[in-house]
Each structure stands twice: as structure tokens, then as C-alpha cells.
Amino acid sequence: MGTSKKNLFTPEQNRIAELAKALGHPARIAILQHLFSVNACICNDLVEELPLSQSTISQHLKALKNVGLIQGSIEGKSICYCVDQDTWKEAKSILNSL
């Protein structure tokens, strides 16, 4: 949706749409499921786990990070990703309110 149309909707509706878009791809669901099961990992761990290239996984990680569902911390030359528990609670609350 173009940014000029977002102002026609409430902040909550826009946030729901952002979260839904981020959750709207099976690869992102698989990434979240893996992060929940291992607590944290680097991109190469996900490359070994999922049938996707490193660049594709990086794009999906970026989409999840942009909406705040995951966070990354630098460990040496790698970024270690984990689920942002505060945003995950927010997402569950928002989606449950529908």
C-alpha cells in the first residue's frame, strides 16, 4: 500500500497490516519457528536448516527485523538473531484482538 493511503487507517490497523505482511510468507514462519526452538542463531544456521539460499534468508530476516519481530546482535563477524519477545507479545495481543 502506498504511504499516501496509510493515513486513511488507524495506527493499529496499519500495525496489524505490517505484522501480517511480515508473517505472510512461509519462509518467515519457518525462520520464526526455528528461532523459537533454538532461542538464537546466525544466518548460516538458518541456511543449513531451510531450503533457501543465504541471500533469500537474509531478505526474510530483514523483513522480520524491520517490523521488530526479531532482533540481531553482532557477534564477531556474524549477527545472531532472536525473537524480540516484547514485539511478539504485542503481535499476539493485536492479532487476538481481531
PDB file of N, CA and C in Angstrom:
ATOM      1  N   MET A   1       0.858  -1.171   0.000  1.00  0.00           N
ATOM      2  CA  MET A   1       0.000   0.000   0.000  1.00  0.00           C
ATOM      3  C   MET A   1       0.899   1.227   0.000  1.00  0.00           C
ATOM      4  N   GLY A   2       0.549   2.185  -0.816  1.00  0.00           N
ATOM      5  CA  GLY A   2       1.317   3.430  -0.859  1.00  0.00           C
ATOM      6  C   GLY A   2       1.215   4.170   0.457  1.00  0.00           C
ATOM      7  N   THR A   3       2.256   4.879   0.796  1.00  0.00           N
ATOM      8  CA  THR A   3       2.269   5.591   2.069  1.00  0.00           C
ATOM      9  C   THR A   3       1.204   6.676   2.132  1.00  0.00           C
ATOM     10  N   SER A   4       0.772   7.170   0.981  1.00  0.00           N
ATOM     11  CA  SER A   4      -0.243   8.218   0.986  1.00  0.00           C
ATOM     12  C   SER A   4      -1.602   7.698   1.437  1.00  0.00           C
ATOM     13  N   LYS A   5      -1.841   6.398   1.375  1.00  0.00           N
ATOM     14  CA  LYS A   5      -3.127   5.823   1.778  1.00  0.00           C
ATOM     15  C   LYS A   5      -3.149   5.361   3.234  1.00  0.00           C
ATOM     16  N   LYS A   6      -1.984   5.198   3.848  1.00  0.00           N
ATOM     17  CA  LYS A   6      -1.937   4.708   5.226  1.00  0.00           C
ATOM     18  C   LYS A   6      -2.630   5.651   6.192  1.00  0.00           C
ATOM     19  N   ASN A   7      -2.644   6.921   5.858  1.00  0.00           N
ATOM     20  CA  ASN A   7      -3.252   7.891   6.768  1.00  0.00           C
ATOM     21  C   ASN A   7      -4.770   7.748   6.832  1.00  0.00           C
ATOM     22  N   LEU A   8      -5.359   6.945   5.967  1.00  0.00           N
ATOM     23  CA  LEU A   8      -6.803   6.723   5.990  1.00  0.00           C
ATOM     24  C   LEU A   8      -7.204   5.692   7.043  1.00  0.00           C
ATOM     25  N   PHE A   9      -6.206   5.051   7.666  1.00  0.00           N
ATOM     26  CA  PHE A   9      -6.469   3.977   8.612  1.00  0.00           C
ATOM     27  C   PHE A   9      -5.844   4.294   9.962  1.00  0.00           C
ATOM     28  N   THR A  10      -6.322   3.628  10.994  1.00  0.00           N
ATOM     29  CA  THR A  10      -5.809   3.870  12.342  1.00  0.00           C
ATOM     30  C   THR A  10      -4.391   3.321  12.473  1.00  0.00           C
ATOM     31  N   PRO A  11      -3.645   3.837  13.438  1.00  0.00           N
ATOM     32  CA  PRO A  11      -2.310   3.283  13.683  1.00  0.00           C
ATOM     33  C   PRO A  11      -2.352   1.779  13.966  1.00  0.00           C
ATOM     34  N   GLU A  12      -3.365   1.332  14.690  1.00  0.00           N
ATOM     35  CA  GLU A  12      -3.483  -0.102  14.988  1.00  0.00           C
ATOM     36  C   GLU A  12      -3.713  -0.906  13.710  1.00  0.00           C
ATOM     37  N   GLN A  13      -4.569  -0.423  12.821  1.00  0.00           N
ATOM     38  CA  GLN A  13      -4.808  -1.119  11.554  1.00  0.00           C
ATOM     39  C   GLN A  13      -3.531  -1.185  10.722  1.00  0.00           C
ATOM     40  N   ASN A  14      -2.771  -0.104  10.704  1.00  0.00           N
ATOM     41  CA  ASN A  14      -1.510  -0.100   9.975  1.00  0.00           C
ATOM     42  C   ASN A  14      -0.509  -1.072  10.596  1.00  0.00           C
ATOM     43  N   ARG A  15      -0.469  -1.133  11.926  1.00  0.00           N
ATOM     44  CA  ARG A  15       0.458  -2.062  12.598  1.00  0.00           C
ATOM     45  C   ARG A  15       0.077  -3.506  12.324  1.00  0.00           C
ATOM     46  N   ILE A  16      -1.220  -3.803  12.376  1.00  0.00           N
ATOM     47  CA  ILE A  16      -1.685  -5.162  12.060  1.00  0.00           C
ATOM     48  C   ILE A  16      -1.269  -5.531  10.644  1.00  0.00           C
ATOM     49  N   ALA A  17      -1.435  -4.612   9.711  1.00  0.00           N
ATOM     50  CA  ALA A  17      -1.075  -4.874   8.316  1.00  0.00           C
ATOM     51  C   ALA A  17       0.431  -5.128   8.176  1.00  0.00           C
ATOM     52  N   GLU A  18       1.256  -4.351   8.895  1.00  0.00           N
ATOM     53  CA  GLU A  18       2.705  -4.558   8.852  1.00  0.00           C
ATOM     54  C   GLU A  18       3.088  -5.941   9.372  1.00  0.00           C
ATOM     55  N   LEU A  19       2.507  -6.299  10.509  1.00  0.00           N
ATOM     56  CA  LEU A  19       2.805  -7.602  11.095  1.00  0.00           C
ATOM     57  C   LEU A  19       2.310  -8.733  10.200  1.00  0.00           C
ATOM     58  N   ALA A  20       1.101  -8.575   9.670  1.00  0.00           N
ATOM     59  CA  ALA A  20       0.541  -9.609   8.804  1.00  0.00           C
ATOM     60  C   ALA A  20       1.387  -9.790   7.548  1.00  0.00           C
ATOM     61  N   LYS A  21       1.862  -8.700   6.996  1.00  0.00           N
ATOM     62  CA  LYS A  21       2.715  -8.790   5.811  1.00  0.00           C
ATOM     63  C   LYS A  21       4.005  -9.534   6.144  1.00  0.00           C
ATOM     64  N   ALA A  22       4.599  -9.219   7.285  1.00  0.00           N
ATOM     65  CA  ALA A  22       5.836  -9.892   7.688  1.00  0.00           C
ATOM     66  C   ALA A  22       5.604 -11.376   7.938  1.00  0.00           C
ATOM     67  N   LEU A  23       4.437 -11.726   8.439  1.00  0.00           N
ATOM     68  CA  LEU A  23       4.114 -13.129   8.723  1.00  0.00           C
ATOM     69  C   LEU A  23       3.529 -13.846   7.510  1.00  0.00           C
ATOM     70  N   GLY A  24       3.352 -13.126   6.414  1.00  0.00           N
ATOM     71  CA  GLY A  24       2.647 -13.652   5.252  1.00  0.00           C
ATOM     72  C   GLY A  24       3.471 -14.489   4.295  1.00  0.00           C
ATOM     73  N   HIS A  25       4.635 -14.945   4.702  1.00  0.00           N
ATOM     74  CA  HIS A  25       5.441 -15.798   3.838  1.00  0.00           C
ATOM     75  C   HIS A  25       5.875 -17.019   4.634  1.00  0.00           C
ATOM     76  N   PRO A  26       5.732 -18.215   4.061  1.00  0.00           N
ATOM     77  CA  PRO A  26       6.075 -19.430   4.815  1.00  0.00           C
ATOM     78  C   PRO A  26       7.540 -19.486   5.256  1.00  0.00           C
ATOM     79  N   ALA A  27       8.438 -18.873   4.502  1.00  0.00           N
ATOM     80  CA  ALA A  27       9.851 -18.874   4.909  1.00  0.00           C
ATOM     81  C   ALA A  27      10.028 -18.092   6.202  1.00  0.00           C
ATOM     82  N   ARG A  28       9.290 -17.014   6.351  1.00  0.00           N
ATOM     83  CA  ARG A  28       9.407 -16.210   7.579  1.00  0.00           C
ATOM     84  C   ARG A  28       8.818 -16.949   8.772  1.00  0.00           C
ATOM     85  N   ILE A  29       7.752 -17.696   8.528  1.00  0.00           N
ATOM     86  CA  ILE A  29       7.183 -18.529   9.590  1.00  0.00           C
ATOM     87  C   ILE A  29       8.200 -19.589  10.005  1.00  0.00           C
ATOM     88  N   ALA A  30       8.852 -20.204   9.023  1.00  0.00           N
ATOM     89  CA  ALA A  30       9.867 -21.229   9.317  1.00  0.00           C
ATOM     90  C   ALA A  30      11.034 -20.626  10.089  1.00  0.00           C
ATOM     91  N   ILE A  31      11.435 -19.421   9.726  1.00  0.00           N
ATOM     92  CA  ILE A  31      12.520 -18.745  10.448  1.00  0.00           C
ATOM     93  C   ILE A  31      12.110 -18.501  11.894  1.00  0.00           C
ATOM     94  N   LEU A  32      10.911 -17.984  12.100  1.00  0.00           N
ATOM     95  CA  LEU A  32      10.436 -17.743  13.471  1.00  0.00           C
ATOM     96  C   LEU A  32      10.350 -19.045  14.263  1.00  0.00           C
ATOM     97  N   GLN A  33       9.821 -20.094  13.642  1.00  0.00           N
ATOM     98  CA  GLN A  33       9.724 -21.381  14.332  1.00  0.00           C
ATOM     99  C   GLN A  33      11.108 -21.876  14.747  1.00  0.00           C
ATOM    100  N   HIS A  34      12.068 -21.736  13.845  1.00  0.00           N
ATOM    101  CA  HIS A  34      13.424 -22.176  14.169  1.00  0.00           C
ATOM    102  C   HIS A  34      14.004 -21.329  15.308  1.00  0.00           C
ATOM    103  N   LEU A  35      13.804 -20.025  15.242  1.00  0.00           N
ATOM    104  CA  LEU A  35      14.322 -19.153  16.300  1.00  0.00           C
ATOM    105  C   LEU A  35      13.687 -19.473  17.650  1.00  0.00           C
ATOM    106  N   PHE A  36      12.395 -19.801  17.646  1.00  0.00           N
ATOM    107  CA  PHE A  36      11.748 -20.184  18.906  1.00  0.00           C
ATOM    108  C   PHE A  36      12.345 -21.483  19.445  1.00  0.00           C
ATOM    109  N   SER A  37      12.683 -22.408  18.561  1.00  0.00           N
ATOM    110  CA  SER A  37      13.183 -23.708  19.015  1.00  0.00           C
ATOM    111  C   SER A  37      14.626 -23.661  19.502  1.00  0.00           C
ATOM    112  N   VAL A  38      15.441 -22.759  18.922  1.00  0.00           N
ATOM    113  CA  VAL A  38      16.856 -22.704  19.310  1.00  0.00           C
ATOM    114  C   VAL A  38      17.201 -21.473  20.136  1.00  0.00           C
ATOM    115  N   ASN A  39      16.282 -20.563  20.264  1.00  0.00           N
ATOM    116  CA  ASN A  39      16.430 -19.324  21.028  1.00  0.00           C
ATOM    117  C   ASN A  39      17.196 -18.250  20.263  1.00  0.00           C
ATOM    118  N   ALA A  40      18.278 -18.595  19.575  1.00  0.00           N
ATOM    119  CA  ALA A  40      19.053 -17.626  18.807  1.00  0.00           C
ATOM    120  C   ALA A  40      19.968 -18.375  17.845  1.00  0.00           C
ATOM    121  N   CYS A  41      20.240 -17.754  16.704  1.00  0.00           N
ATOM    122  CA  CYS A  41      21.159 -18.358  15.746  1.00  0.00           C
ATOM    123  C   CYS A  41      21.643 -17.313  14.751  1.00  0.00           C
ATOM    124  N   ILE A  42      22.642 -17.694  13.967  1.00  0.00           N
ATOM    125  CA  ILE A  42      23.138 -16.820  12.917  1.00  0.00           C
ATOM    126  C   ILE A  42      22.524 -17.245  11.583  1.00  0.00           C
ATOM    127  N   CYS A  43      22.681 -16.411  10.588  1.00  0.00           N
ATOM    128  CA  CYS A  43      22.088 -16.663   9.286  1.00  0.00           C
ATOM    129  C   CYS A  43      22.545 -18.003   8.706  1.00  0.00           C
ATOM    130  N   ASN A  44      23.815 -18.346   8.867  1.00  0.00           N
ATOM    131  CA  ASN A  44      24.318 -19.613   8.311  1.00  0.00           C
ATOM    132  C   ASN A  44      23.621 -20.823   8.919  1.00  0.00           C
ATOM    133  N   ASP A  45      23.220 -20.728  10.180  1.00  0.00           N
ATOM    134  CA  ASP A  45      22.457 -21.816  10.798  1.00  0.00           C
ATOM    135  C   ASP A  45      21.126 -21.996  10.081  1.00  0.00           C
ATOM    136  N   LEU A  46      20.510 -20.879   9.717  1.00  0.00           N
ATOM    137  CA  LEU A  46      19.235 -20.945   9.000  1.00  0.00           C
ATOM    138  C   LEU A  46      19.424 -21.491   7.590  1.00  0.00           C
ATOM    139  N   VAL A  47      20.544 -21.177   6.961  1.00  0.00           N
ATOM    140  CA  VAL A  47      20.840 -21.700   5.624  1.00  0.00           C
ATOM    141  C   VAL A  47      20.929 -23.220   5.671  1.00  0.00           C
ATOM    142  N   GLU A  48      21.517 -23.755   6.735  1.00  0.00           N
ATOM    143  CA  GLU A  48      21.609 -25.209   6.896  1.00  0.00           C
ATOM    144  C   GLU A  48      20.250 -25.833   7.198  1.00  0.00           C
ATOM    145  N   GLU A  49      19.381 -25.082   7.840  1.00  0.00           N
ATOM    146  CA  GLU A  49      18.079 -25.594   8.273  1.00  0.00           C
ATOM    147  C   GLU A  49      17.010 -25.511   7.192  1.00  0.00           C
ATOM    148  N   LEU A  50      17.023 -24.448   6.407  1.00  0.00           N
ATOM    149  CA  LEU A  50      15.954 -24.189   5.435  1.00  0.00           C
ATOM    150  C   LEU A  50      16.444 -24.400   4.003  1.00  0.00           C
ATOM    151  N   PRO A  51      15.533 -24.759   3.098  1.00  0.00           N
ATOM    152  CA  PRO A  51      15.928 -24.998   1.709  1.00  0.00           C
ATOM    153  C   PRO A  51      15.996 -23.713   0.883  1.00  0.00           C
ATOM    154  N   LEU A  52      16.672 -22.704   1.423  1.00  0.00           N
ATOM    155  CA  LEU A  52      16.765 -21.403   0.762  1.00  0.00           C
ATOM    156  C   LEU A  52      18.219 -20.933   0.744  1.00  0.00           C
ATOM    157  N   SER A  53      18.521 -20.064  -0.199  1.00  0.00           N
ATOM    158  CA  SER A  53      19.869 -19.518  -0.277  1.00  0.00           C
ATOM    159  C   SER A  53      20.099 -18.506   0.836  1.00  0.00           C
ATOM    160  N   GLN A  54      21.365 -18.214   1.075  1.00  0.00           N
ATOM    161  CA  GLN A  54      21.726 -17.258   2.115  1.00  0.00           C
ATOM    162  C   GLN A  54      21.139 -15.882   1.826  1.00  0.00           C
ATOM    163  N   SER A  55      21.169 -15.460   0.561  1.00  0.00           N
ATOM    164  CA  SER A  55      20.652 -14.136   0.230  1.00  0.00           C
ATOM    165  C   SER A  55      19.138 -14.055   0.441  1.00  0.00           C
ATOM    166  N   THR A  56      18.436 -15.127   0.133  1.00  0.00           N
ATOM    167  CA  THR A  56      16.984 -15.155   0.336  1.00  0.00           C
ATOM    168  C   THR A  56      16.654 -15.111   1.821  1.00  0.00           C
ATOM    169  N   ILE A  57      17.377 -15.885   2.605  1.00  0.00           N
ATOM    170  CA  ILE A  57      17.154 -15.878   4.048  1.00  0.00           C
ATOM    171  C   ILE A  57      17.455 -14.497   4.620  1.00  0.00           C
ATOM    172  N   SER A  58      18.504 -13.864   4.141  1.00  0.00           N
ATOM    173  CA  SER A  58      18.835 -12.511   4.606  1.00  0.00           C
ATOM    174  C   SER A  58      17.711 -11.530   4.318  1.00  0.00           C
ATOM    175  N   GLN A  59      17.087 -11.649   3.157  1.00  0.00           N
ATOM    176  CA  GLN A  59      15.962 -10.771   2.817  1.00  0.00           C
ATOM    177  C   GLN A  59      14.791 -10.997   3.769  1.00  0.00           C
ATOM    178  N   HIS A  60      14.514 -12.252   4.088  1.00  0.00           N
ATOM    179  CA  HIS A  60      13.421 -12.556   5.013  1.00  0.00           C
ATOM    180  C   HIS A  60      13.748 -12.084   6.432  1.00  0.00           C
ATOM    181  N   LEU A  61      15.006 -12.235   6.838  1.00  0.00           N
ATOM    182  CA  LEU A  61      15.416 -11.729   8.146  1.00  0.00           C
ATOM    183  C   LEU A  61      15.235 -10.215   8.220  1.00  0.00           C
ATOM    184  N   LYS A  62      15.573  -9.538   7.147  1.00  0.00           N
ATOM    185  CA  LYS A  62      15.419  -8.077   7.104  1.00  0.00           C
ATOM    186  C   LYS A  62      13.948  -7.685   7.255  1.00  0.00           C
ATOM    187  N   ALA A  63      13.054  -8.405   6.581  1.00  0.00           N
ATOM    188  CA  ALA A  63      11.622  -8.098   6.677  1.00  0.00           C
ATOM    189  C   ALA A  63      11.117  -8.303   8.105  1.00  0.00           C
ATOM    190  N   LEU A  64      11.550  -9.375   8.747  1.00  0.00           N
ATOM    191  CA  LEU A  64      11.138  -9.633  10.134  1.00  0.00           C
ATOM    192  C   LEU A  64      11.735  -8.606  11.092  1.00  0.00           C
ATOM    193  N   LYS A  65      12.967  -8.213  10.822  1.00  0.00           N
ATOM    194  CA  LYS A  65      13.624  -7.226  11.678  1.00  0.00           C
ATOM    195  C   LYS A  65      12.996  -5.848  11.509  1.00  0.00           C
ATOM    196  N   ASN A  66      12.598  -5.503  10.284  1.00  0.00           N
ATOM    197  CA  ASN A  66      12.012  -4.185  10.025  1.00  0.00           C
ATOM    198  C   ASN A  66      10.730  -3.944  10.812  1.00  0.00           C
ATOM    199  N   VAL A  67       9.948  -4.999  11.065  1.00  0.00           N
ATOM    200  CA  VAL A  67       8.720  -4.830  11.850  1.00  0.00           C
ATOM    201  C   VAL A  67       8.961  -5.113  13.330  1.00  0.00           C
ATOM    202  N   GLY A  68      10.198  -5.478  13.666  1.00  0.00           N
ATOM    203  CA  GLY A  68      10.546  -5.668  15.065  1.00  0.00           C
ATOM    204  C   GLY A  68      10.307  -7.052  15.627  1.00  0.00           C
ATOM    205  N   LEU A  69       9.923  -8.014  14.783  1.00  0.00           N
ATOM    206  CA  LEU A  69       9.656  -9.358  15.297  1.00  0.00           C
ATOM    207  C   LEU A  69      10.927 -10.084  15.724  1.00  0.00           C
ATOM    208  N   ILE A  70      12.043  -9.734  15.110  1.00  0.00           N
ATOM    209  CA  ILE A  70      13.322 -10.302  15.526  1.00  0.00           C
ATOM    210  C   ILE A  70      14.301  -9.162  15.760  1.00  0.00           C
ATOM    211  N   GLN A  71      15.353  -9.498  16.452  1.00  0.00           N
ATOM    212  CA  GLN A  71      16.430  -8.542  16.662  1.00  0.00           C
ATOM    213  C   GLN A  71      17.750  -9.265  16.422  1.00  0.00           C
ATOM    214  N   GLY A  72      18.766  -8.501  16.119  1.00  0.00           N
ATOM    215  CA  GLY A  72      20.066  -9.088  15.859  1.00  0.00           C
ATOM    216  C   GLY A  72      21.146  -8.392  16.657  1.00  0.00           C
ATOM    217  N   SER A  73      22.070  -9.186  17.176  1.00  0.00           N
ATOM    218  CA  SER A  73      23.212  -8.620  17.888  1.00  0.00           C
ATOM    219  C   SER A  73      24.486  -9.119  17.220  1.00  0.00           C
ATOM    220  N   ILE A  74      25.443  -8.248  17.107  1.00  0.00           N
ATOM    221  CA  ILE A  74      26.686  -8.580  16.422  1.00  0.00           C
ATOM    222  C   ILE A  74      27.553  -9.425  17.335  1.00  0.00           C
ATOM    223  N   GLU A  75      27.980 -10.573  16.791  1.00  0.00           N
ATOM    224  CA  GLU A  75      28.895 -11.467  17.494  1.00  0.00           C
ATOM    225  C   GLU A  75      30.044 -11.771  16.545  1.00  0.00           C
ATOM    226  N   GLY A  76      31.143 -11.063  16.719  1.00  0.00           N
ATOM    227  CA  GLY A  76      32.270 -11.213  15.807  1.00  0.00           C
ATOM    228  C   GLY A  76      31.905 -10.675  14.438  1.00  0.00           C
ATOM    229  N   LYS A  77      31.996 -11.552  13.425  1.00  0.00           N
ATOM    230  CA  LYS A  77      31.655 -11.153  12.055  1.00  0.00           C
ATOM    231  C   LYS A  77      30.226 -11.516  11.683  1.00  0.00           C
ATOM    232  N   SER A  78      29.486 -12.088  12.612  1.00  0.00           N
ATOM    233  CA  SER A  78      28.125 -12.548  12.340  1.00  0.00           C
ATOM    234  C   SER A  78      27.110 -11.774  13.170  1.00  0.00           C
ATOM    235  N   ILE A  79      25.869 -11.859  12.740  1.00  0.00           N
ATOM    236  CA  ILE A  79      24.762 -11.300  13.514  1.00  0.00           C
ATOM    237  C   ILE A  79      23.954 -12.467  14.052  1.00  0.00           C
ATOM    238  N   CYS A  80      23.753 -12.474  15.341  1.00  0.00           N
ATOM    239  CA  CYS A  80      22.972 -13.520  15.989  1.00  0.00           C
ATOM    240  C   CYS A  80      21.543 -13.005  16.141  1.00  0.00           C
ATOM    241  N   TYR A  81      20.588 -13.744  15.573  1.00  0.00           N
ATOM    242  CA  TYR A  81      19.189 -13.321  15.569  1.00  0.00           C
ATOM    243  C   TYR A  81      18.398 -14.071  16.631  1.00  0.00           C
ATOM    244  N   CYS A  82      17.424 -13.371  17.195  1.00  0.00           N
ATOM    245  CA  CYS A  82      16.489 -13.986  18.125  1.00  0.00           C
ATOM    246  C   CYS A  82      15.142 -13.272  18.002  1.00  0.00           C
ATOM    247  N   VAL A  83      14.101 -13.908  18.515  1.00  0.00           N
ATOM    248  CA  VAL A  83      12.776 -13.303  18.510  1.00  0.00           C
ATOM    249  C   VAL A  83      12.749 -12.195  19.539  1.00  0.00           C
ATOM    250  N   ASP A  84      12.223 -11.056  19.166  1.00  0.00           N
ATOM    251  CA  ASP A  84      12.031  -9.949  20.106  1.00  0.00           C
ATOM    252  C   ASP A  84      10.754 -10.253  20.891  1.00  0.00           C
ATOM    253  N   GLN A  85      10.914 -10.651  22.126  1.00  0.00           N
ATOM    254  CA  GLN A  85       9.776 -11.118  22.921  1.00  0.00           C
ATOM    255  C   GLN A  85       8.731 -10.029  23.149  1.00  0.00           C
ATOM    256  N   ASP A  86       9.146  -8.779  23.304  1.00  0.00           N
ATOM    257  CA  ASP A  86       8.181  -7.694  23.510  1.00  0.00           C
ATOM    258  C   ASP A  86       7.305  -7.491  22.277  1.00  0.00           C
ATOM    259  N   THR A  87       7.932  -7.493  21.111  1.00  0.00           N
ATOM    260  CA  THR A  87       7.157  -7.328  19.874  1.00  0.00           C
ATOM    261  C   THR A  87       6.291  -8.542  19.619  1.00  0.00           C
ATOM    262  N   TRP A  88       6.793  -9.732  19.955  1.00  0.00           N
ATOM    263  CA  TRP A  88       5.995 -10.942  19.769  1.00  0.00           C
ATOM    264  C   TRP A  88       4.742 -10.891  20.644  1.00  0.00           C
ATOM    265  N   LYS A  89       4.893 -10.419  21.886  1.00  0.00           N
ATOM    266  CA  LYS A  89       3.720 -10.263  22.758  1.00  0.00           C
ATOM    267  C   LYS A  89       2.748  -9.249  22.175  1.00  0.00           C
ATOM    268  N   GLU A  90       3.272  -8.159  21.648  1.00  0.00           N
ATOM    269  CA  GLU A  90       2.428  -7.148  21.011  1.00  0.00           C
ATOM    270  C   GLU A  90       1.674  -7.759  19.827  1.00  0.00           C
ATOM    271  N   ALA A  91       2.371  -8.506  18.981  1.00  0.00           N
ATOM    272  CA  ALA A  91       1.751  -9.122  17.813  1.00  0.00           C
ATOM    273  C   ALA A  91       0.649 -10.087  18.223  1.00  0.00           C
ATOM    274  N   LYS A  92       0.913 -10.914  19.230  1.00  0.00           N
ATOM    275  CA  LYS A  92      -0.114 -11.847  19.694  1.00  0.00           C
ATOM    276  C   LYS A  92      -1.336 -11.102  20.224  1.00  0.00           C
ATOM    277  N   SER A  93      -1.097 -10.059  20.976  1.00  0.00           N
ATOM    278  CA  SER A  93      -2.193  -9.274  21.540  1.00  0.00           C
ATOM    279  C   SER A  93      -3.029  -8.619  20.441  1.00  0.00           C
ATOM    280  N   ILE A  94      -2.343  -7.999  19.493  1.00  0.00           N
ATOM    281  CA  ILE A  94      -3.043  -7.332  18.391  1.00  0.00           C
ATOM    282  C   ILE A  94      -3.855  -8.328  17.565  1.00  0.00           C
ATOM    283  N   LEU A  95      -3.228  -9.452  17.227  1.00  0.00           N
ATOM    284  CA  LEU A  95      -3.936 -10.436  16.398  1.00  0.00           C
ATOM    285  C   LEU A  95      -5.088 -11.083  17.162  1.00  0.00           C
ATOM    286  N   ASN A  96      -4.911 -11.305  18.464  1.00  0.00           N
ATOM    287  CA  ASN A  96      -6.001 -11.856  19.263  1.00  0.00           C
ATOM    288  C   ASN A  96      -7.180 -10.895  19.376  1.00  0.00           C
ATOM    289  N   SER A  97      -6.908  -9.600  19.288  1.00  0.00           N
ATOM    290  CA  SER A  97      -7.990  -8.632  19.414  1.00  0.00           C
ATOM    291  C   SER A  97      -8.882  -8.578  18.175  1.00  0.00           C
ATOM    292  N   LEU A  98      -8.416  -9.158  17.080  1.00  0.00           N
ATOM    293  CA  LEU A  98      -9.254  -9.188  15.883  1.00  0.00           C
ATOM    294  C   LEU A  98     -10.447 -10.077  16.115  1.00  0.00           C
TER     295      LEU A  98
END
